[in-house]
Amino acid sequence: MPVPELTPPEAARWAARAGLPLADDRPGQVAAIADHIHSVVSVLRELDFGDTPPATAYRTEEENHDAAI
């Protein structure tokens, strides 16, 4: 289900709600950047990592030790 784009008034409202009021010329820019970030993240969500273990399974010490041998 596609997510509707963030409008400048919505960006201003969410920023104000977070305690970050925007100057009058900024909501359009903030909305455009937020939409771009959302489009990039949505592509990452579609990736199939299959059998890739979670990051907690990765052990740096073992990897570095094996490489030095």
N, C-alpha and C. Protein backbone atom coordinates (compact mmCIF):
# COMPACT_ATOMS: atom_id res chain seq x y z
N MET A 1 0.84 -1.17 0.00
CA MET A 1 0.00 0.00 0.00
C MET A 1 0.89 1.25 0.00
N PRO A 2 0.80 2.07 -1.03
CA PRO A 2 1.64 3.26 -1.09
C PRO A 2 1.27 4.27 0.00
N VAL A 3 2.30 4.91 0.50
CA VAL A 3 2.12 5.93 1.53
C VAL A 3 2.03 7.29 0.84
N PRO A 4 1.02 8.08 1.16
CA PRO A 4 0.92 9.41 0.53
C PRO A 4 2.09 10.29 0.91
N GLU A 5 2.45 11.17 0.00
CA GLU A 5 3.58 12.07 0.26
C GLU A 5 3.24 13.03 1.39
N LEU A 6 4.27 13.43 2.11
CA LEU A 6 4.12 14.40 3.18
C LEU A 6 3.94 15.78 2.57
N THR A 7 2.91 16.48 2.98
CA THR A 7 2.67 17.82 2.46
C THR A 7 3.40 18.84 3.32
N PRO A 8 3.70 20.01 2.77
CA PRO A 8 4.36 21.04 3.57
C PRO A 8 3.60 21.42 4.85
N PRO A 9 2.26 21.56 4.80
CA PRO A 9 1.57 21.85 6.06
C PRO A 9 1.71 20.73 7.10
N GLU A 10 1.71 19.47 6.64
CA GLU A 10 1.90 18.36 7.57
C GLU A 10 3.31 18.39 8.16
N ALA A 11 4.31 18.69 7.32
CA ALA A 11 5.69 18.77 7.80
C ALA A 11 5.81 19.85 8.87
N ALA A 12 5.18 20.99 8.64
CA ALA A 12 5.22 22.08 9.62
C ALA A 12 4.53 21.66 10.92
N ARG A 13 3.40 20.97 10.78
CA ARG A 13 2.66 20.54 11.97
C ARG A 13 3.46 19.53 12.78
N TRP A 14 4.07 18.54 12.11
CA TRP A 14 4.85 17.53 12.83
C TRP A 14 6.10 18.15 13.45
N ALA A 15 6.72 19.08 12.76
CA ALA A 15 7.90 19.74 13.32
C ALA A 15 7.52 20.54 14.56
N ALA A 16 6.43 21.28 14.49
CA ALA A 16 5.98 22.06 15.64
C ALA A 16 5.63 21.13 16.80
N ARG A 17 5.01 20.01 16.49
CA ARG A 17 4.65 19.05 17.54
C ARG A 17 5.89 18.50 18.23
N ALA A 18 6.98 18.37 17.48
CA ALA A 18 8.24 17.87 18.05
C ALA A 18 9.03 18.98 18.72
N GLY A 19 8.49 20.20 18.73
CA GLY A 19 9.19 21.32 19.36
C GLY A 19 10.23 21.96 18.46
N LEU A 20 10.08 21.74 17.15
CA LEU A 20 11.03 22.28 16.17
C LEU A 20 10.29 23.15 15.15
N PRO A 21 9.80 24.29 15.56
CA PRO A 21 9.06 25.12 14.61
C PRO A 21 9.93 25.51 13.42
N LEU A 22 9.32 25.51 12.25
CA LEU A 22 10.04 25.82 11.01
C LEU A 22 9.76 27.24 10.56
N ALA A 23 10.75 27.84 9.92
CA ALA A 23 10.54 29.14 9.29
C ALA A 23 9.54 28.95 8.14
N ASP A 24 8.89 30.00 7.75
CA ASP A 24 7.83 29.92 6.73
C ASP A 24 8.28 29.32 5.41
N ASP A 25 9.56 29.46 5.06
CA ASP A 25 10.04 28.96 3.78
C ASP A 25 10.57 27.52 3.85
N ARG A 26 10.54 26.88 5.01
CA ARG A 26 11.14 25.56 5.18
C ARG A 26 10.22 24.34 5.04
N PRO A 27 8.93 24.41 5.32
CA PRO A 27 8.11 23.19 5.27
C PRO A 27 8.15 22.45 3.94
N GLY A 28 8.20 23.15 2.84
CA GLY A 28 8.27 22.48 1.54
C GLY A 28 9.55 21.69 1.37
N GLN A 29 10.66 22.27 1.83
CA GLN A 29 11.95 21.60 1.74
C GLN A 29 11.99 20.38 2.66
N VAL A 30 11.47 20.55 3.87
CA VAL A 30 11.45 19.44 4.82
C VAL A 30 10.58 18.29 4.29
N ALA A 31 9.43 18.63 3.73
CA ALA A 31 8.55 17.60 3.18
C ALA A 31 9.23 16.85 2.03
N ALA A 32 9.91 17.57 1.16
CA ALA A 32 10.59 16.93 0.03
C ALA A 32 11.70 16.00 0.51
N ILE A 33 12.47 16.43 1.48
CA ILE A 33 13.55 15.59 2.00
C ILE A 33 12.99 14.37 2.73
N ALA A 34 11.94 14.56 3.51
CA ALA A 34 11.32 13.44 4.21
C ALA A 34 10.78 12.41 3.21
N ASP A 35 10.18 12.88 2.12
CA ASP A 35 9.67 11.96 1.10
C ASP A 35 10.82 11.20 0.43
N HIS A 36 11.93 11.88 0.19
CA HIS A 36 13.08 11.21 -0.41
C HIS A 36 13.62 10.13 0.53
N ILE A 37 13.78 10.46 1.80
CA ILE A 37 14.26 9.48 2.77
C ILE A 37 13.32 8.29 2.83
N HIS A 38 12.03 8.56 2.83
CA HIS A 38 11.05 7.47 2.86
C HIS A 38 11.19 6.57 1.63
N SER A 39 11.43 7.15 0.47
CA SER A 39 11.56 6.34 -0.74
C SER A 39 12.80 5.45 -0.68
N VAL A 40 13.88 5.95 -0.11
CA VAL A 40 15.11 5.15 0.03
C VAL A 40 14.88 4.02 1.02
N VAL A 41 14.27 4.32 2.15
CA VAL A 41 14.03 3.30 3.17
C VAL A 41 13.07 2.24 2.66
N SER A 42 12.09 2.64 1.87
CA SER A 42 11.13 1.66 1.36
C SER A 42 11.81 0.65 0.44
N VAL A 43 12.83 1.07 -0.30
CA VAL A 43 13.59 0.15 -1.14
C VAL A 43 14.34 -0.84 -0.25
N LEU A 44 14.92 -0.37 0.83
CA LEU A 44 15.64 -1.26 1.74
C LEU A 44 14.72 -2.28 2.37
N ARG A 45 13.48 -1.89 2.63
CA ARG A 45 12.52 -2.82 3.23
C ARG A 45 12.15 -3.96 2.29
N GLU A 46 12.33 -3.76 1.00
CA GLU A 46 11.98 -4.78 0.02
C GLU A 46 13.09 -5.82 -0.18
N LEU A 47 14.27 -5.58 0.35
CA LEU A 47 15.38 -6.50 0.18
C LEU A 47 15.12 -7.80 0.93
N ASP A 48 15.50 -8.90 0.31
CA ASP A 48 15.36 -10.21 0.93
C ASP A 48 16.72 -10.62 1.47
N PHE A 49 16.82 -10.66 2.78
CA PHE A 49 18.10 -11.01 3.40
C PHE A 49 18.21 -12.51 3.64
N GLY A 50 17.16 -13.24 3.34
CA GLY A 50 17.20 -14.70 3.41
C GLY A 50 17.76 -15.23 4.71
N ASP A 51 18.88 -15.93 4.60
CA ASP A 51 19.49 -16.58 5.77
C ASP A 51 20.55 -15.73 6.44
N THR A 52 20.55 -14.45 6.16
CA THR A 52 21.53 -13.57 6.79
C THR A 52 21.27 -13.50 8.29
N PRO A 53 22.27 -13.84 9.10
CA PRO A 53 22.05 -13.80 10.55
C PRO A 53 21.94 -12.35 11.04
N PRO A 54 21.30 -12.17 12.18
CA PRO A 54 21.20 -10.82 12.73
C PRO A 54 22.58 -10.30 13.13
N ALA A 55 22.72 -9.02 13.26
CA ALA A 55 24.00 -8.40 13.59
C ALA A 55 24.58 -8.92 14.90
N THR A 56 23.72 -9.32 15.82
CA THR A 56 24.22 -9.82 17.11
C THR A 56 24.99 -11.13 16.96
N ALA A 57 24.82 -11.82 15.83
CA ALA A 57 25.53 -13.08 15.61
C ALA A 57 26.94 -12.85 15.06
N TYR A 58 27.25 -11.65 14.65
CA TYR A 58 28.56 -11.33 14.07
C TYR A 58 29.56 -11.07 15.18
N ARG A 59 30.71 -11.70 15.11
CA ARG A 59 31.73 -11.53 16.15
C ARG A 59 33.00 -10.99 15.52
N THR A 60 33.29 -9.76 15.79
CA THR A 60 34.44 -9.09 15.20
C THR A 60 35.75 -9.75 15.60
N GLU A 61 35.88 -10.15 16.86
CA GLU A 61 37.14 -10.73 17.35
C GLU A 61 37.52 -11.96 16.54
N GLU A 62 36.57 -12.84 16.28
CA GLU A 62 36.84 -14.07 15.54
C GLU A 62 37.24 -13.77 14.12
N GLU A 63 36.56 -12.81 13.47
CA GLU A 63 36.86 -12.47 12.09
C GLU A 63 38.28 -11.92 11.97
N ASN A 64 38.66 -11.01 12.86
CA ASN A 64 40.00 -10.41 12.81
C ASN A 64 41.06 -11.43 13.14
N HIS A 65 40.81 -12.31 14.08
CA HIS A 65 41.77 -13.33 14.47
C HIS A 65 42.02 -14.30 13.33
N ASP A 66 40.97 -14.74 12.66
CA ASP A 66 41.11 -15.66 11.54
C ASP A 66 41.87 -15.04 10.39
N ALA A 67 41.69 -13.75 10.16
CA ALA A 67 42.35 -13.09 9.05
C ALA A 67 43.85 -12.96 9.29
N ALA A 68 44.27 -12.90 10.55
CA ALA A 68 45.68 -12.72 10.88
C ALA A 68 46.46 -14.03 10.79
N ILE A 69 45.79 -15.15 10.78
CA ILE A 69 46.47 -16.44 10.77
C ILE A 69 47.00 -16.81 9.42
